[in-house]
């Protein structure tokens, strides 16, 4: 069974973001085409327009950074000036986010002219092509990751990222505080920012609420100041979802743990556990046990399924118990219990 949340499409960033202080490691500078700094970069994968320089531009995609290294510039320099002008003019008429020249290569005059006239940013970096592409893709993976904000709590429990969800006022923050008091670490309370990086979900706290927790009756407290730096984490992968639900009389709950439920977040499935909340239940201990059990499952040991397999094997060998024996045991149970109480006196 699956339930979950989708999310917004992948965001885009302007080309000007490649020149910000956060992208300082890319060592980019603008050569021409300042008018196009508002063009969008929508994909982390870059493109090298080698085939497009021969005149075949069908596969040029807007939203991808066009990398021009030694092979592309070397090819252009071997062309006649007339042919070079014609190729670059046709290329500039395509929808292009920006060009990046690597290794500090000087751009041909025709490329500078077309970039300026068509408003296509032409950037330059002294970094080698292979190194630059790795750095750029890492930067874009971070900036273009899909993001989602959830009303929940994210904890690091035994090294497992546990996302605690539930309706407002059900006790998510109180459960988290109990876990912190037991030595586990807080990532985010109330609002969790989740982003998808490759096939993993990474959760963190917004800057405003980082280290803080809101508790009814106490107000806002700072976990870092109260419990020390070892009680908090900046980010953590989301590896288990625990959904707190109010106990409903008559509702059927999973007694054996054989249901394989999943929670979908930004297209990634995460194991889901439904945790009924009722007076007398220690939620922190239950979450700890759920985290330990999930770690065992990831290592290939599923206690519930092992138990079910043993019961099935036993029934195959011995067969089901006779109904008369079952009725007899049911009748003798209360009598034995009463006998035990009298003996205790």
C-alpha atoms as a PDB file:
ATOM      1  CA  UNK A   1       0.000   0.000   0.000  1.00  0.00           C
ATOM      2  CA  UNK A   2       1.291   3.446  -0.882  1.00  0.00           C
ATOM      3  CA  UNK A   3       0.358   6.965   0.045  1.00  0.00           C
ATOM      4  CA  UNK A   4       2.339  10.100  -0.118  1.00  0.00           C
ATOM      5  CA  UNK A   5       3.003  13.528  -1.449  1.00  0.00           C
ATOM      6  CA  UNK A   6       4.163  14.721  -4.807  1.00  0.00           C
ATOM      7  CA  UNK A   7       5.867  18.030  -5.111  1.00  0.00           C
ATOM      8  CA  UNK A   8       6.758  20.896  -7.360  1.00  0.00           C
ATOM      9  CA  UNK A   9       8.594  20.388 -10.603  1.00  0.00           C
ATOM     10  CA  UNK A  10      12.332  20.891 -10.632  1.00  0.00           C
ATOM     11  CA  UNK A  11      13.138  24.582 -10.114  1.00  0.00           C
ATOM     12  CA  UNK A  12      15.263  26.629 -12.445  1.00  0.00           C
ATOM     13  CA  UNK A  13      17.992  29.152 -11.753  1.00  0.00           C
ATOM     14  CA  UNK A  14      19.092  32.128 -13.872  1.00  0.00           C
ATOM     15  CA  UNK A  15      22.470  32.090 -15.561  1.00  0.00           C
ATOM     16  CA  UNK A  16      23.454  34.978 -13.298  1.00  0.00           C
ATOM     17  CA  UNK A  17      23.462  32.491 -10.379  1.00  0.00           C
ATOM     18  CA  UNK A  18      26.580  30.906 -11.901  1.00  0.00           C
ATOM     19  CA  UNK A  19      28.390  34.163 -11.184  1.00  0.00           C
ATOM     20  CA  UNK A  20      27.254  34.464  -7.544  1.00  0.00           C
ATOM     21  CA  UNK A  21      29.512  34.030  -4.537  1.00  0.00           C
ATOM     22  CA  UNK A  22      28.007  30.562  -3.917  1.00  0.00           C
ATOM     23  CA  UNK A  23      29.397  29.475  -7.310  1.00  0.00           C
ATOM     24  CA  UNK A  24      32.846  30.928  -6.656  1.00  0.00           C
ATOM     25  CA  UNK A  25      34.519  27.515  -7.048  1.00  0.00           C
ATOM     26  CA  UNK A  26      33.463  27.464 -10.722  1.00  0.00           C
ATOM     27  CA  UNK A  27      35.651  30.554 -11.377  1.00  0.00           C
ATOM     28  CA  UNK A  28      33.363  31.864 -14.084  1.00  0.00           C
ATOM     29  CA  UNK A  29      33.499  35.344 -15.601  1.00  0.00           C
ATOM     30  CA  UNK A  30      31.250  36.984 -18.175  1.00  0.00           C
ATOM     31  CA  UNK A  31      32.782  37.633 -21.611  1.00  0.00           C
ATOM     32  CA  UNK A  32      29.709  38.688 -23.610  1.00  0.00           C
ATOM     33  CA  UNK A  33      25.913  38.530 -23.666  1.00  0.00           C
ATOM     34  CA  UNK A  34      25.079  40.336 -20.433  1.00  0.00           C
ATOM     35  CA  UNK A  35      21.525  40.887 -21.678  1.00  0.00           C
ATOM     36  CA  UNK A  36      20.836  37.160 -21.401  1.00  0.00           C
ATOM     37  CA  UNK A  37      21.836  36.646 -17.752  1.00  0.00           C
ATOM     38  CA  UNK A  38      18.171  36.057 -17.005  1.00  0.00           C
ATOM     39  CA  UNK A  39      18.115  32.913 -19.169  1.00  0.00           C
ATOM     40  CA  UNK A  40      17.218  29.825 -17.155  1.00  0.00           C
ATOM     41  CA  UNK A  41      19.267  26.728 -16.374  1.00  0.00           C
ATOM     42  CA  UNK A  42      16.823  23.869 -15.787  1.00  0.00           C
ATOM     43  CA  UNK A  43      18.956  20.714 -16.030  1.00  0.00           C
ATOM     44  CA  UNK A  44      22.002  19.598 -14.074  1.00  0.00           C
ATOM     45  CA  UNK A  45      23.343  17.669 -17.061  1.00  0.00           C
ATOM     46  CA  UNK A  46      25.438  19.807 -19.364  1.00  0.00           C
ATOM     47  CA  UNK A  47      25.685  19.572 -23.147  1.00  0.00           C
ATOM     48  CA  UNK A  48      28.653  19.773 -25.486  1.00  0.00           C
ATOM     49  CA  UNK A  49      27.634  21.178 -28.893  1.00  0.00           C
ATOM     50  CA  UNK A  50      30.190  19.229 -30.912  1.00  0.00           C
ATOM     51  CA  UNK A  51      27.730  17.928 -33.512  1.00  0.00           C
ATOM     52  CA  UNK A  52      25.938  21.282 -33.619  1.00  0.00           C
ATOM     53  CA  UNK A  53      29.146  22.916 -34.855  1.00  0.00           C
ATOM     54  CA  UNK A  54      28.810  20.906 -38.066  1.00  0.00           C
ATOM     55  CA  UNK A  55      25.377  22.451 -38.649  1.00  0.00           C
ATOM     56  CA  UNK A  56      23.136  19.794 -37.038  1.00  0.00           C
ATOM     57  CA  UNK A  57      21.424  21.683 -34.240  1.00  0.00           C
ATOM     58  CA  UNK A  58      18.277  19.563 -33.709  1.00  0.00           C
ATOM     59  CA  UNK A  59      19.439  18.291 -30.322  1.00  0.00           C
ATOM     60  CA  UNK A  60      20.362  21.617 -28.761  1.00  0.00           C
ATOM     61  CA  UNK A  61      18.201  21.921 -25.632  1.00  0.00           C
ATOM     62  CA  UNK A  62      17.257  25.078 -23.820  1.00  0.00           C
ATOM     63  CA  UNK A  63      17.943  24.920 -20.092  1.00  0.00           C
ATOM     64  CA  UNK A  64      21.277  23.103 -20.399  1.00  0.00           C
ATOM     65  CA  UNK A  65      24.679  24.735 -20.135  1.00  0.00           C
ATOM     66  CA  UNK A  66      26.628  24.416 -23.387  1.00  0.00           C
ATOM     67  CA  UNK A  67      30.277  23.530 -22.696  1.00  0.00           C
ATOM     68  CA  UNK A  68      32.915  24.415 -25.285  1.00  0.00           C
ATOM     69  CA  UNK A  69      36.349  22.971 -24.612  1.00  0.00           C
ATOM     70  CA  UNK A  70      39.543  22.440 -26.560  1.00  0.00           C
ATOM     71  CA  UNK A  71      38.006  20.135 -29.202  1.00  0.00           C
ATOM     72  CA  UNK A  72      35.136  22.514 -30.028  1.00  0.00           C
ATOM     73  CA  UNK A  73      37.324  25.631 -30.188  1.00  0.00           C
ATOM     74  CA  UNK A  74      40.005  23.760 -32.133  1.00  0.00           C
ATOM     75  CA  UNK A  75      37.436  22.649 -34.704  1.00  0.00           C
ATOM     76  CA  UNK A  76      36.076  26.177 -35.110  1.00  0.00           C
ATOM     77  CA  UNK A  77      39.552  27.578 -35.711  1.00  0.00           C
ATOM     78  CA  UNK A  78      40.128  25.155 -38.572  1.00  0.00           C
ATOM     79  CA  UNK A  79      37.074  26.436 -40.417  1.00  0.00           C
ATOM     80  CA  UNK A  80      37.231  29.315 -42.870  1.00  0.00           C
ATOM     81  CA  UNK A  81      36.002  32.644 -41.433  1.00  0.00           C
ATOM     82  CA  UNK A  82      32.934  32.555 -43.685  1.00  0.00           C
ATOM     83  CA  UNK A  83      32.007  29.005 -42.653  1.00  0.00           C
ATOM     84  CA  UNK A  84      32.665  29.809 -38.993  1.00  0.00           C
ATOM     85  CA  UNK A  85      30.345  32.842 -39.146  1.00  0.00           C
ATOM     86  CA  UNK A  86      27.585  30.783 -40.769  1.00  0.00           C
ATOM     87  CA  UNK A  87      27.841  27.931 -38.222  1.00  0.00           C
ATOM     88  CA  UNK A  88      27.894  30.214 -35.187  1.00  0.00           C
ATOM     89  CA  UNK A  89      25.044  32.346 -36.537  1.00  0.00           C
ATOM     90  CA  UNK A  90      22.883  29.239 -36.955  1.00  0.00           C
ATOM     91  CA  UNK A  91      23.848  28.015 -33.486  1.00  0.00           C
ATOM     92  CA  UNK A  92      23.056  31.389 -31.903  1.00  0.00           C
ATOM     93  CA  UNK A  93      19.553  31.312 -33.400  1.00  0.00           C
ATOM     94  CA  UNK A  94      18.779  28.230 -31.275  1.00  0.00           C
ATOM     95  CA  UNK A  95      17.302  28.643 -27.798  1.00  0.00           C
ATOM     96  CA  UNK A  96      20.465  28.477 -25.709  1.00  0.00           C
ATOM     97  CA  UNK A  97      20.819  29.228 -22.012  1.00  0.00           C
ATOM     98  CA  UNK A  98      24.529  30.059 -22.097  1.00  0.00           C
ATOM     99  CA  UNK A  99      27.947  29.041 -23.405  1.00  0.00           C
ATOM    100  CA  UNK A 100      30.892  28.226 -21.124  1.00  0.00           C
ATOM    101  CA  UNK A 101      34.470  28.120 -22.429  1.00  0.00           C
ATOM    102  CA  UNK A 102      36.789  25.996 -20.284  1.00  0.00           C
ATOM    103  CA  UNK A 103      40.580  26.008 -19.767  1.00  0.00           C
ATOM    104  CA  UNK A 104      40.683  29.788 -20.204  1.00  0.00           C
ATOM    105  CA  UNK A 105      40.380  29.425 -23.986  1.00  0.00           C
ATOM    106  CA  UNK A 106      39.974  32.635 -25.963  1.00  0.00           C
ATOM    107  CA  UNK A 107      36.645  32.625 -27.836  1.00  0.00           C
ATOM    108  CA  UNK A 108      36.601  33.257 -31.596  1.00  0.00           C
ATOM    109  CA  UNK A 109      35.555  36.797 -32.503  1.00  0.00           C
ATOM    110  CA  UNK A 110      32.530  35.467 -34.378  1.00  0.00           C
ATOM    111  CA  UNK A 111      31.281  33.705 -31.217  1.00  0.00           C
ATOM    112  CA  UNK A 112      31.659  36.866 -29.129  1.00  0.00           C
ATOM    113  CA  UNK A 113      29.809  38.884 -31.771  1.00  0.00           C
ATOM    114  CA  UNK A 114      26.894  36.439 -32.045  1.00  0.00           C
ATOM    115  CA  UNK A 115      26.604  36.036 -28.269  1.00  0.00           C
ATOM    116  CA  UNK A 116      26.438  39.810 -27.809  1.00  0.00           C
ATOM    117  CA  UNK A 117      23.963  40.430 -30.615  1.00  0.00           C
ATOM    118  CA  UNK A 118      21.641  37.523 -29.658  1.00  0.00           C
ATOM    119  CA  UNK A 119      21.847  38.090 -25.898  1.00  0.00           C
ATOM    120  CA  UNK A 120      23.387  34.691 -25.079  1.00  0.00           C
ATOM    121  CA  UNK A 121      25.707  34.766 -22.038  1.00  0.00           C
ATOM    122  CA  UNK A 122      29.229  33.680 -22.920  1.00  0.00           C
ATOM    123  CA  UNK A 123      31.179  32.659 -19.813  1.00  0.00           C
ATOM    124  CA  UNK A 124      34.799  31.639 -19.361  1.00  0.00           C
ATOM    125  CA  UNK A 125      36.609  29.582 -16.709  1.00  0.00           C
ATOM    126  CA  UNK A 126      40.274  28.568 -16.312  1.00  0.00           C
ATOM    127  CA  UNK A 127      39.237  25.128 -14.964  1.00  0.00           C
ATOM    128  CA  UNK A 128      39.818  22.004 -17.096  1.00  0.00           C
ATOM    129  CA  UNK A 129      36.742  20.679 -18.906  1.00  0.00           C
ATOM    130  CA  UNK A 130      36.353  17.383 -17.013  1.00  0.00           C
ATOM    131  CA  UNK A 131      36.899  18.982 -13.600  1.00  0.00           C
ATOM    132  CA  UNK A 132      34.599  21.876 -14.404  1.00  0.00           C
ATOM    133  CA  UNK A 133      31.764  19.618 -15.578  1.00  0.00           C
ATOM    134  CA  UNK A 134      31.914  17.634 -12.318  1.00  0.00           C
ATOM    135  CA  UNK A 135      31.913  20.824 -10.235  1.00  0.00           C
ATOM    136  CA  UNK A 136      29.078  22.367 -12.243  1.00  0.00           C
ATOM    137  CA  UNK A 137      26.900  19.270 -12.063  1.00  0.00           C
ATOM    138  CA  UNK A 138      27.422  19.061  -8.294  1.00  0.00           C
ATOM    139  CA  UNK A 139      26.452  22.727  -7.954  1.00  0.00           C
ATOM    140  CA  UNK A 140      23.369  22.307 -10.167  1.00  0.00           C
ATOM    141  CA  UNK A 141      22.297  19.080  -8.428  1.00  0.00           C
ATOM    142  CA  UNK A 142      22.118  21.064  -5.210  1.00  0.00           C
ATOM    143  CA  UNK A 143      20.415  24.153  -6.638  1.00  0.00           C
ATOM    144  CA  UNK A 144      17.966  22.342  -8.936  1.00  0.00           C
ATOM    145  CA  UNK A 145      16.870  19.654  -6.493  1.00  0.00           C
ATOM    146  CA  UNK A 146      13.091  19.308  -6.065  1.00  0.00           C
ATOM    147  CA  UNK A 147      12.008  20.626  -2.682  1.00  0.00           C
ATOM    148  CA  UNK A 148       9.030  20.150  -0.423  1.00  0.00           C
ATOM    149  CA  UNK A 149       8.090  21.541   3.003  1.00  0.00           C
ATOM    150  CA  UNK A 150       6.285  19.181   5.384  1.00  0.00           C
ATOM    151  CA  UNK A 151       4.649  19.851   8.742  1.00  0.00           C
ATOM    152  CA  UNK A 152       6.553  17.172  10.638  1.00  0.00           C
ATOM    153  CA  UNK A 153       9.644  16.432  12.750  1.00  0.00           C
ATOM    154  CA  UNK A 154      12.885  14.885  11.491  1.00  0.00           C
ATOM    155  CA  UNK A 155      15.101  12.983  13.930  1.00  0.00           C
ATOM    156  CA  UNK A 156      18.333  11.023  13.728  1.00  0.00           C
ATOM    157  CA  UNK A 157      17.563   7.847  15.696  1.00  0.00           C
ATOM    158  CA  UNK A 158      20.430   5.333  15.866  1.00  0.00           C
ATOM    159  CA  UNK A 159      21.767   6.859  12.639  1.00  0.00           C
ATOM    160  CA  UNK A 160      18.443   6.395  10.828  1.00  0.00           C
ATOM    161  CA  UNK A 161      16.566   9.424   9.530  1.00  0.00           C
ATOM    162  CA  UNK A 162      13.043   9.154  11.005  1.00  0.00           C
ATOM    163  CA  UNK A 163      10.348  11.541   9.787  1.00  0.00           C
ATOM    164  CA  UNK A 164       7.584  11.813  12.415  1.00  0.00           C
ATOM    165  CA  UNK A 165       4.269  12.938  10.934  1.00  0.00           C
ATOM    166  CA  UNK A 166       0.743  13.387  12.248  1.00  0.00           C
ATOM    167  CA  UNK A 167      -2.013  15.912  12.728  1.00  0.00           C
ATOM    168  CA  UNK A 168      -1.394  19.097  14.671  1.00  0.00           C
ATOM    169  CA  UNK A 169      -1.347  18.615  18.446  1.00  0.00           C
ATOM    170  CA  UNK A 170      -0.936  14.831  18.370  1.00  0.00           C
ATOM    171  CA  UNK A 171       2.443  14.950  20.144  1.00  0.00           C
ATOM    172  CA  UNK A 172       5.149  14.994  17.451  1.00  0.00           C
ATOM    173  CA  UNK A 173       7.323  17.550  19.222  1.00  0.00           C
ATOM    174  CA  UNK A 174       6.848  15.919  22.633  1.00  0.00           C
ATOM    175  CA  UNK A 175       7.914  12.570  21.163  1.00  0.00           C
ATOM    176  CA  UNK A 176      10.950  14.251  19.580  1.00  0.00           C
ATOM    177  CA  UNK A 177      11.890  15.919  22.875  1.00  0.00           C
ATOM    178  CA  UNK A 178      11.725  12.562  24.649  1.00  0.00           C
ATOM    179  CA  UNK A 179      13.995  11.090  21.951  1.00  0.00           C
ATOM    180  CA  UNK A 180      16.473  13.966  22.362  1.00  0.00           C
ATOM    181  CA  UNK A 181      16.497  13.363  26.107  1.00  0.00           C
ATOM    182  CA  UNK A 182      17.367   9.721  25.344  1.00  0.00           C
ATOM    183  CA  UNK A 183      20.422  10.773  23.326  1.00  0.00           C
ATOM    184  CA  UNK A 184      19.107  11.077  19.767  1.00  0.00           C
ATOM    185  CA  UNK A 185      19.505  14.134  17.558  1.00  0.00           C
ATOM    186  CA  UNK A 186      17.090  16.712  16.169  1.00  0.00           C
ATOM    187  CA  UNK A 187      17.254  17.831  12.548  1.00  0.00           C
ATOM    188  CA  UNK A 188      14.067  19.900  12.226  1.00  0.00           C
ATOM    189  CA  UNK A 189      10.881  20.538  14.164  1.00  0.00           C
ATOM    190  CA  UNK A 190       7.512  21.750  12.878  1.00  0.00           C
ATOM    191  CA  UNK A 191       8.699  22.427   9.305  1.00  0.00           C
ATOM    192  CA  UNK A 192      11.032  20.050   7.481  1.00  0.00           C
ATOM    193  CA  UNK A 193      12.510  21.059   4.146  1.00  0.00           C
ATOM    194  CA  UNK A 194      12.998  17.923   2.035  1.00  0.00           C
ATOM    195  CA  UNK A 195      14.890  17.906  -1.223  1.00  0.00           C
ATOM    196  CA  UNK A 196      15.481  15.063  -3.635  1.00  0.00           C
ATOM    197  CA  UNK A 197      19.133  14.532  -4.509  1.00  0.00           C
ATOM    198  CA  UNK A 198      19.421  11.767  -7.091  1.00  0.00           C
ATOM    199  CA  UNK A 199      17.298   8.943  -5.602  1.00  0.00           C
ATOM    200  CA  UNK A 200      17.668  10.049  -1.988  1.00  0.00           C
ATOM    201  CA  UNK A 201      15.618  12.410   0.168  1.00  0.00           C
ATOM    202  CA  UNK A 202      17.586  14.825   2.336  1.00  0.00           C
ATOM    203  CA  UNK A 203      15.836  16.748   5.103  1.00  0.00           C
ATOM    204  CA  UNK A 204      16.918  19.917   6.856  1.00  0.00           C
ATOM    205  CA  UNK A 205      15.475  22.809   8.834  1.00  0.00           C
ATOM    206  CA  UNK A 206      14.702  26.283   7.499  1.00  0.00           C
ATOM    207  CA  UNK A 207      17.185  28.869   8.751  1.00  0.00           C
ATOM    208  CA  UNK A 208      14.631  30.636  10.946  1.00  0.00           C
ATOM    209  CA  UNK A 209      13.608  27.574  13.002  1.00  0.00           C
ATOM    210  CA  UNK A 210      16.931  25.714  13.057  1.00  0.00           C
ATOM    211  CA  UNK A 211      17.783  24.284  16.538  1.00  0.00           C
ATOM    212  CA  UNK A 212      14.384  25.412  17.851  1.00  0.00           C
ATOM    213  CA  UNK A 213      11.336  23.480  19.005  1.00  0.00           C
ATOM    214  CA  UNK A 214       7.853  24.709  19.912  1.00  0.00           C
ATOM    215  CA  UNK A 215       6.068  22.979  22.798  1.00  0.00           C
ATOM    216  CA  UNK A 216       2.579  23.811  23.980  1.00  0.00           C
ATOM    217  CA  UNK A 217       2.785  25.202  27.502  1.00  0.00           C
ATOM    218  CA  UNK A 218       6.533  25.883  27.300  1.00  0.00           C
ATOM    219  CA  UNK A 219       6.797  27.909  24.120  1.00  0.00           C
ATOM    220  CA  UNK A 220       9.870  28.000  21.905  1.00  0.00           C
ATOM    221  CA  UNK A 221      13.055  26.375  23.228  1.00  0.00           C
ATOM    222  CA  UNK A 222      16.558  26.104  21.767  1.00  0.00           C
ATOM    223  CA  UNK A 223      17.650  22.456  21.720  1.00  0.00           C
ATOM    224  CA  UNK A 224      21.277  23.319  20.981  1.00  0.00           C
ATOM    225  CA  UNK A 225      21.518  25.568  24.057  1.00  0.00           C
ATOM    226  CA  UNK A 226      19.648  23.144  26.332  1.00  0.00           C
ATOM    227  CA  UNK A 227      21.236  19.834  25.314  1.00  0.00           C
ATOM    228  CA  UNK A 228      24.461  20.832  23.547  1.00  0.00           C
ATOM    229  CA  UNK A 229      25.746  20.609  20.001  1.00  0.00           C
ATOM    230  CA  UNK A 230      25.664  16.807  20.051  1.00  0.00           C
ATOM    231  CA  UNK A 231      21.848  16.922  20.172  1.00  0.00           C
ATOM    232  CA  UNK A 232      21.363  18.452  16.722  1.00  0.00           C
ATOM    233  CA  UNK A 233      22.162  17.684  13.084  1.00  0.00           C
ATOM    234  CA  UNK A 234      22.057  20.003  10.096  1.00  0.00           C
ATOM    235  CA  UNK A 235      20.821  17.484   7.524  1.00  0.00           C
ATOM    236  CA  UNK A 236      19.777  13.826   7.415  1.00  0.00           C
ATOM    237  CA  UNK A 237      18.455  11.399   4.850  1.00  0.00           C
ATOM    238  CA  UNK A 238      14.788  10.488   5.268  1.00  0.00           C
ATOM    239  CA  UNK A 239      14.774   6.689   5.617  1.00  0.00           C
ATOM    240  CA  UNK A 240      11.645   5.931   7.659  1.00  0.00           C
ATOM    241  CA  UNK A 241       8.267   7.650   8.069  1.00  0.00           C
ATOM    242  CA  UNK A 242       6.362   7.192  11.350  1.00  0.00           C
ATOM    243  CA  UNK A 243       2.811   8.500  11.123  1.00  0.00           C
ATOM    244  CA  UNK A 244       1.185   9.166  14.506  1.00  0.00           C
ATOM    245  CA  UNK A 245      -2.558   8.454  14.460  1.00  0.00           C
ATOM    246  CA  UNK A 246      -5.162   8.836  17.193  1.00  0.00           C
ATOM    247  CA  UNK A 247      -6.316   5.477  18.551  1.00  0.00           C
ATOM    248  CA  UNK A 248      -9.774   4.560  17.273  1.00  0.00           C
ATOM    249  CA  UNK A 249     -11.768   1.864  19.040  1.00  0.00           C
ATOM    250  CA  UNK A 250     -12.751  -0.892  16.660  1.00  0.00           C
ATOM    251  CA  UNK A 251     -10.200   0.042  14.024  1.00  0.00           C
ATOM    252  CA  UNK A 252      -7.990  -2.801  12.851  1.00  0.00           C
ATOM    253  CA  UNK A 253      -4.283  -2.195  13.364  1.00  0.00           C
ATOM    254  CA  UNK A 254      -1.335  -4.205  12.125  1.00  0.00           C
ATOM    255  CA  UNK A 255      -0.556  -6.698  14.894  1.00  0.00           C
ATOM    256  CA  UNK A 256       2.201  -8.712  13.204  1.00  0.00           C
ATOM    257  CA  UNK A 257       4.112  -6.125  11.187  1.00  0.00           C
ATOM    258  CA  UNK A 258       3.616  -7.913   7.869  1.00  0.00           C
ATOM    259  CA  UNK A 259       2.138  -4.948   6.007  1.00  0.00           C
ATOM    260  CA  UNK A 260       4.668  -3.433   3.653  1.00  0.00           C
ATOM    261  CA  UNK A 261       3.457   0.162   3.458  1.00  0.00           C
ATOM    262  CA  UNK A 262       5.312   2.923   1.647  1.00  0.00           C
ATOM    263  CA  UNK A 263       5.114   6.696   1.722  1.00  0.00           C
ATOM    264  CA  UNK A 264       5.846   8.522  -1.534  1.00  0.00           C
ATOM    265  CA  UNK A 265       7.751  11.793  -1.277  1.00  0.00           C
ATOM    266  CA  UNK A 266       8.915  13.562  -4.441  1.00  0.00           C
ATOM    267  CA  UNK A 267       8.756  10.272  -6.328  1.00  0.00           C
ATOM    268  CA  UNK A 268      10.851   8.327  -3.791  1.00  0.00           C
ATOM    269  CA  UNK A 269       9.263   5.555  -1.711  1.00  0.00           C
ATOM    270  CA  UNK A 270      10.064   5.473   2.019  1.00  0.00           C
ATOM    271  CA  UNK A 271       8.975   2.724   4.492  1.00  0.00           C
ATOM    272  CA  UNK A 272       5.901   3.802   6.457  1.00  0.00           C
ATOM    273  CA  UNK A 273       4.817   2.765   9.961  1.00  0.00           C
ATOM    274  CA  UNK A 274       1.447   3.795  11.407  1.00  0.00           C
ATOM    275  CA  UNK A 275       1.744   4.393  15.147  1.00  0.00           C
ATOM    276  CA  UNK A 276      -1.541   4.562  17.122  1.00  0.00           C
ATOM    277  CA  UNK A 277      -1.417   7.169  19.894  1.00  0.00           C
ATOM    278  CA  UNK A 278      -3.249   6.345  23.123  1.00  0.00           C
ATOM    279  CA  UNK A 279      -2.771   7.127  26.837  1.00  0.00           C
ATOM    280  CA  UNK A 280      -0.058   4.983  28.392  1.00  0.00           C
ATOM    281  CA  UNK A 281       1.896   4.387  25.174  1.00  0.00           C
ATOM    282  CA  UNK A 282       5.513   5.541  25.335  1.00  0.00           C
ATOM    283  CA  UNK A 283       5.969   6.886  21.811  1.00  0.00           C
ATOM    284  CA  UNK A 284       9.696   7.564  22.133  1.00  0.00           C
ATOM    285  CA  UNK A 285      10.459   3.942  23.000  1.00  0.00           C
ATOM    286  CA  UNK A 286       8.171   2.742  20.186  1.00  0.00           C
ATOM    287  CA  UNK A 287       9.951   4.999  17.670  1.00  0.00           C
ATOM    288  CA  UNK A 288      13.314   3.706  18.916  1.00  0.00           C
ATOM    289  CA  UNK A 289      12.174   0.110  18.420  1.00  0.00           C
ATOM    290  CA  UNK A 290      10.784   0.959  14.982  1.00  0.00           C
ATOM    291  CA  UNK A 291      14.160   2.444  14.002  1.00  0.00           C
ATOM    292  CA  UNK A 292      16.081  -0.596  15.306  1.00  0.00           C
ATOM    293  CA  UNK A 293      13.686  -2.933  13.496  1.00  0.00           C
ATOM    294  CA  UNK A 294      14.088  -0.986  10.240  1.00  0.00           C
ATOM    295  CA  UNK A 295      17.877  -1.191  10.527  1.00  0.00           C
ATOM    296  CA  UNK A 296      17.566  -4.979  10.924  1.00  0.00           C
ATOM    297  CA  UNK A 297      15.324  -5.146   7.841  1.00  0.00           C
ATOM    298  CA  UNK A 298      17.894  -3.239   5.821  1.00  0.00           C
ATOM    299  CA  UNK A 299      20.431  -5.878   6.855  1.00  0.00           C
ATOM    300  CA  UNK A 300      18.143  -8.650   5.642  1.00  0.00           C
ATOM    301  CA  UNK A 301      16.486  -9.749   8.904  1.00  0.00           C
ATOM    302  CA  UNK A 302      12.708  -9.334   9.175  1.00  0.00           C
ATOM    303  CA  UNK A 303      11.527 -10.712  12.535  1.00  0.00           C
ATOM    304  CA  UNK A 304       7.801 -10.635  11.638  1.00  0.00           C
ATOM    305  CA  UNK A 305       8.281 -12.583   8.434  1.00  0.00           C
ATOM    306  CA  UNK A 306      10.617 -15.081  10.116  1.00  0.00           C
ATOM    307  CA  UNK A 307       7.954 -15.662  12.787  1.00  0.00           C
ATOM    308  CA  UNK A 308       5.226 -16.096  10.156  1.00  0.00           C
ATOM    309  CA  UNK A 309       7.386 -18.570   8.237  1.00  0.00           C
ATOM    310  CA  UNK A 310       7.979 -20.614  11.408  1.00  0.00           C
ATOM    311  CA  UNK A 311       4.239 -20.704  12.148  1.00  0.00           C
ATOM    312  CA  UNK A 312       3.473 -21.782   8.568  1.00  0.00           C
ATOM    313  CA  UNK A 313       6.125 -24.503   8.725  1.00  0.00           C
ATOM    314  CA  UNK A 314       4.755 -25.746  12.071  1.00  0.00           C
ATOM    315  CA  UNK A 315       1.200 -25.920  10.720  1.00  0.00           C
ATOM    316  CA  UNK A 316       2.383 -27.841   7.669  1.00  0.00           C
ATOM    317  CA  UNK A 317       4.040 -30.472   9.880  1.00  0.00           C
ATOM    318  CA  UNK A 318       1.551 -30.792  12.726  1.00  0.00           C
ATOM    319  CA  UNK A 319      -1.603 -29.434  11.163  1.00  0.00           C
ATOM    320  CA  UNK A 320      -3.965 -26.996  12.880  1.00  0.00           C
ATOM    321  CA  UNK A 321      -4.909 -27.820  16.517  1.00  0.00           C
ATOM    322  CA  UNK A 322      -8.313 -29.551  17.009  1.00  0.00           C
ATOM    323  CA  UNK A 323     -11.201 -27.207  17.801  1.00  0.00           C
ATOM    324  CA  UNK A 324     -11.957 -29.133  21.012  1.00  0.00           C
ATOM    325  CA  UNK A 325      -8.449 -28.414  22.339  1.00  0.00           C
ATOM    326  CA  UNK A 326      -8.765 -24.744  21.468  1.00  0.00           C
ATOM    327  CA  UNK A 327     -12.120 -24.508  23.303  1.00  0.00           C
ATOM    328  CA  UNK A 328     -10.674 -26.345  26.311  1.00  0.00           C
ATOM    329  CA  UNK A 329      -7.709 -23.973  26.530  1.00  0.00           C
ATOM    330  CA  UNK A 330     -10.048 -21.012  26.263  1.00  0.00           C
ATOM    331  CA  UNK A 331     -12.151 -22.330  29.137  1.00  0.00           C
ATOM    332  CA  UNK A 332      -9.196 -23.197  31.386  1.00  0.00           C
ATOM    333  CA  UNK A 333      -7.412 -19.905  30.900  1.00  0.00           C
ATOM    334  CA  UNK A 334      -9.444 -17.725  33.303  1.00  0.00           C
ATOM    335  CA  UNK A 335      -9.630 -20.550  35.892  1.00  0.00           C
ATOM    336  CA  UNK A 336      -5.846 -20.918  35.883  1.00  0.00           C
ATOM    337  CA  UNK A 337      -5.460 -17.205  36.248  1.00  0.00           C
ATOM    338  CA  UNK A 338      -7.777 -17.152  39.276  1.00  0.00           C
ATOM    339  CA  UNK A 339      -5.918 -20.119  40.803  1.00  0.00           C
ATOM    340  CA  UNK A 340      -2.664 -18.245  40.418  1.00  0.00           C
ATOM    341  CA  UNK A 341      -4.015 -15.225  42.266  1.00  0.00           C
ATOM    342  CA  UNK A 342      -5.245 -17.356  45.175  1.00  0.00           C
ATOM    343  CA  UNK A 343      -1.870 -19.068  45.403  1.00  0.00           C
ATOM    344  CA  UNK A 344      -0.188 -15.661  45.572  1.00  0.00           C
ATOM    345  CA  UNK A 345      -2.086 -14.876  48.726  1.00  0.00           C
END
